[in-house]
N, C-alpha and C. Protein backbone atom coordinates (compact mmCIF):
# COMPACT_ATOMS: atom_id res chain seq x y z
N UNK A 1 239.53 -24.16 200.04
CA UNK A 1 238.73 -24.40 198.85
C UNK A 1 237.55 -25.33 199.18
N UNK A 2 237.88 -26.43 199.83
CA UNK A 2 236.85 -27.41 200.21
C UNK A 2 235.76 -26.74 201.01
N UNK A 3 236.17 -25.86 201.92
CA UNK A 3 235.22 -25.21 202.80
C UNK A 3 234.14 -24.44 202.02
N UNK A 4 234.58 -23.67 201.01
CA UNK A 4 233.62 -22.87 200.25
C UNK A 4 232.70 -23.72 199.37
N UNK A 5 233.26 -24.83 198.84
CA UNK A 5 232.42 -25.74 198.06
C UNK A 5 231.33 -26.32 198.97
N UNK A 6 231.70 -26.75 200.13
CA UNK A 6 230.74 -27.31 201.09
C UNK A 6 229.72 -26.25 201.45
N UNK A 7 230.21 -25.04 201.68
CA UNK A 7 229.33 -23.93 202.08
C UNK A 7 228.26 -23.65 201.01
N UNK A 8 228.71 -23.53 199.74
CA UNK A 8 227.75 -23.20 198.70
C UNK A 8 226.76 -24.35 198.49
N UNK A 9 227.23 -25.59 198.66
CA UNK A 9 226.35 -26.75 198.57
C UNK A 9 225.28 -26.69 199.64
N UNK A 10 225.68 -26.33 200.85
CA UNK A 10 224.73 -26.21 201.96
C UNK A 10 223.70 -25.13 201.68
N UNK A 11 224.16 -23.98 201.21
CA UNK A 11 223.23 -22.87 200.91
C UNK A 11 222.17 -23.33 199.94
N UNK A 12 222.61 -24.05 198.89
CA UNK A 12 221.66 -24.55 197.91
C UNK A 12 220.65 -25.48 198.53
N UNK A 13 221.15 -26.45 199.29
CA UNK A 13 220.25 -27.44 199.92
C UNK A 13 219.26 -26.78 200.87
N UNK A 14 219.77 -25.86 201.66
CA UNK A 14 218.91 -25.16 202.64
C UNK A 14 217.85 -24.34 201.93
N UNK A 15 218.25 -23.68 200.84
CA UNK A 15 217.33 -22.84 200.10
C UNK A 15 216.22 -23.66 199.45
N UNK A 16 216.57 -24.87 199.01
CA UNK A 16 215.57 -25.71 198.33
C UNK A 16 214.61 -26.37 199.28
N UNK A 17 215.02 -26.47 200.55
CA UNK A 17 214.12 -27.13 201.52
C UNK A 17 212.90 -26.24 201.80
N UNK A 18 211.76 -26.85 201.94
CA UNK A 18 210.52 -26.09 202.17
C UNK A 18 210.47 -25.52 203.59
N UNK A 19 210.11 -24.25 203.73
CA UNK A 19 209.93 -23.70 205.08
C UNK A 19 208.63 -24.22 205.69
N UNK A 20 208.57 -24.15 207.01
CA UNK A 20 207.34 -24.58 207.70
C UNK A 20 206.20 -23.62 207.32
N UNK A 21 205.00 -24.11 207.46
CA UNK A 21 203.83 -23.32 207.06
C UNK A 21 203.80 -21.98 207.82
N UNK A 22 203.63 -20.90 207.09
CA UNK A 22 203.51 -19.58 207.69
C UNK A 22 204.85 -18.96 208.07
N UNK A 23 205.92 -19.66 207.84
CA UNK A 23 207.21 -19.09 208.21
C UNK A 23 207.78 -18.28 207.05
N UNK A 24 208.30 -17.10 207.37
CA UNK A 24 208.92 -16.26 206.36
C UNK A 24 210.08 -17.00 205.73
N UNK A 25 210.09 -17.08 204.39
CA UNK A 25 211.12 -17.86 203.70
C UNK A 25 212.52 -17.31 203.98
N UNK A 26 212.66 -16.00 204.05
CA UNK A 26 213.97 -15.39 204.31
C UNK A 26 214.46 -15.77 205.69
N UNK A 27 213.58 -15.65 206.66
CA UNK A 27 213.93 -16.02 208.05
C UNK A 27 214.33 -17.49 208.10
N UNK A 28 213.54 -18.32 207.40
CA UNK A 28 213.82 -19.75 207.36
C UNK A 28 215.22 -20.03 206.81
N UNK A 29 215.53 -19.39 205.70
CA UNK A 29 216.85 -19.59 205.05
C UNK A 29 217.96 -19.14 205.99
N UNK A 30 217.80 -17.96 206.58
CA UNK A 30 218.85 -17.44 207.47
C UNK A 30 219.06 -18.35 208.66
N UNK A 31 217.97 -18.79 209.29
CA UNK A 31 218.09 -19.67 210.45
C UNK A 31 218.75 -21.00 210.07
N UNK A 32 218.33 -21.56 208.97
CA UNK A 32 218.88 -22.85 208.51
C UNK A 32 220.38 -22.70 208.22
N UNK A 33 220.71 -21.67 207.46
CA UNK A 33 222.10 -21.44 207.12
C UNK A 33 222.92 -21.24 208.40
N UNK A 34 222.38 -20.47 209.33
CA UNK A 34 223.09 -20.19 210.57
C UNK A 34 223.41 -21.48 211.30
N UNK A 35 222.44 -22.39 211.42
CA UNK A 35 222.68 -23.67 212.07
C UNK A 35 223.72 -24.50 211.33
N UNK A 36 223.59 -24.58 210.02
CA UNK A 36 224.52 -25.38 209.22
C UNK A 36 225.93 -24.83 209.29
N UNK A 37 226.05 -23.51 209.15
CA UNK A 37 227.38 -22.87 209.18
C UNK A 37 228.02 -23.09 210.53
N UNK A 38 227.23 -22.97 211.60
CA UNK A 38 227.75 -23.17 212.93
C UNK A 38 228.34 -24.60 213.03
N UNK A 39 227.58 -25.58 212.56
CA UNK A 39 228.05 -26.97 212.60
C UNK A 39 229.28 -27.15 211.72
N UNK A 40 229.26 -26.53 210.54
CA UNK A 40 230.40 -26.65 209.63
C UNK A 40 231.64 -26.06 210.25
N UNK A 41 231.51 -24.88 210.83
CA UNK A 41 232.68 -24.24 211.45
C UNK A 41 233.21 -25.08 212.59
N UNK A 42 232.32 -25.67 213.40
CA UNK A 42 232.78 -26.52 214.49
C UNK A 42 233.54 -27.72 213.92
N UNK A 43 232.99 -28.38 212.91
CA UNK A 43 233.64 -29.51 212.28
C UNK A 43 234.99 -29.08 211.72
N UNK A 44 235.02 -27.95 211.07
CA UNK A 44 236.22 -27.42 210.42
C UNK A 44 237.31 -27.17 211.45
N UNK A 45 236.95 -26.51 212.57
CA UNK A 45 237.90 -26.21 213.63
C UNK A 45 238.44 -27.49 214.29
N UNK A 46 237.52 -28.40 214.59
CA UNK A 46 237.92 -29.67 215.23
C UNK A 46 238.83 -30.45 214.28
N UNK A 47 238.52 -30.43 213.00
CA UNK A 47 239.32 -31.14 212.01
C UNK A 47 240.71 -30.54 211.95
N UNK A 48 240.78 -29.21 211.98
CA UNK A 48 242.06 -28.49 211.94
C UNK A 48 242.92 -28.82 213.14
N UNK A 49 242.28 -29.05 214.29
CA UNK A 49 243.05 -29.26 215.52
C UNK A 49 243.67 -30.66 215.59
N UNK A 50 243.20 -31.59 214.75
CA UNK A 50 243.78 -32.94 214.76
C UNK A 50 245.22 -32.94 214.35
């Protein structure tokens, strides 16, 4: 449950952040989400292994 709440919060924050000048907003969102999710999954896995 926590994971999905964190995930949706991240999606909102990433979506609200302004893309760099001339960057496609969709590409920006996908790249940002990809980085965040990657970090989240790593944290999640490491936390689980404790």
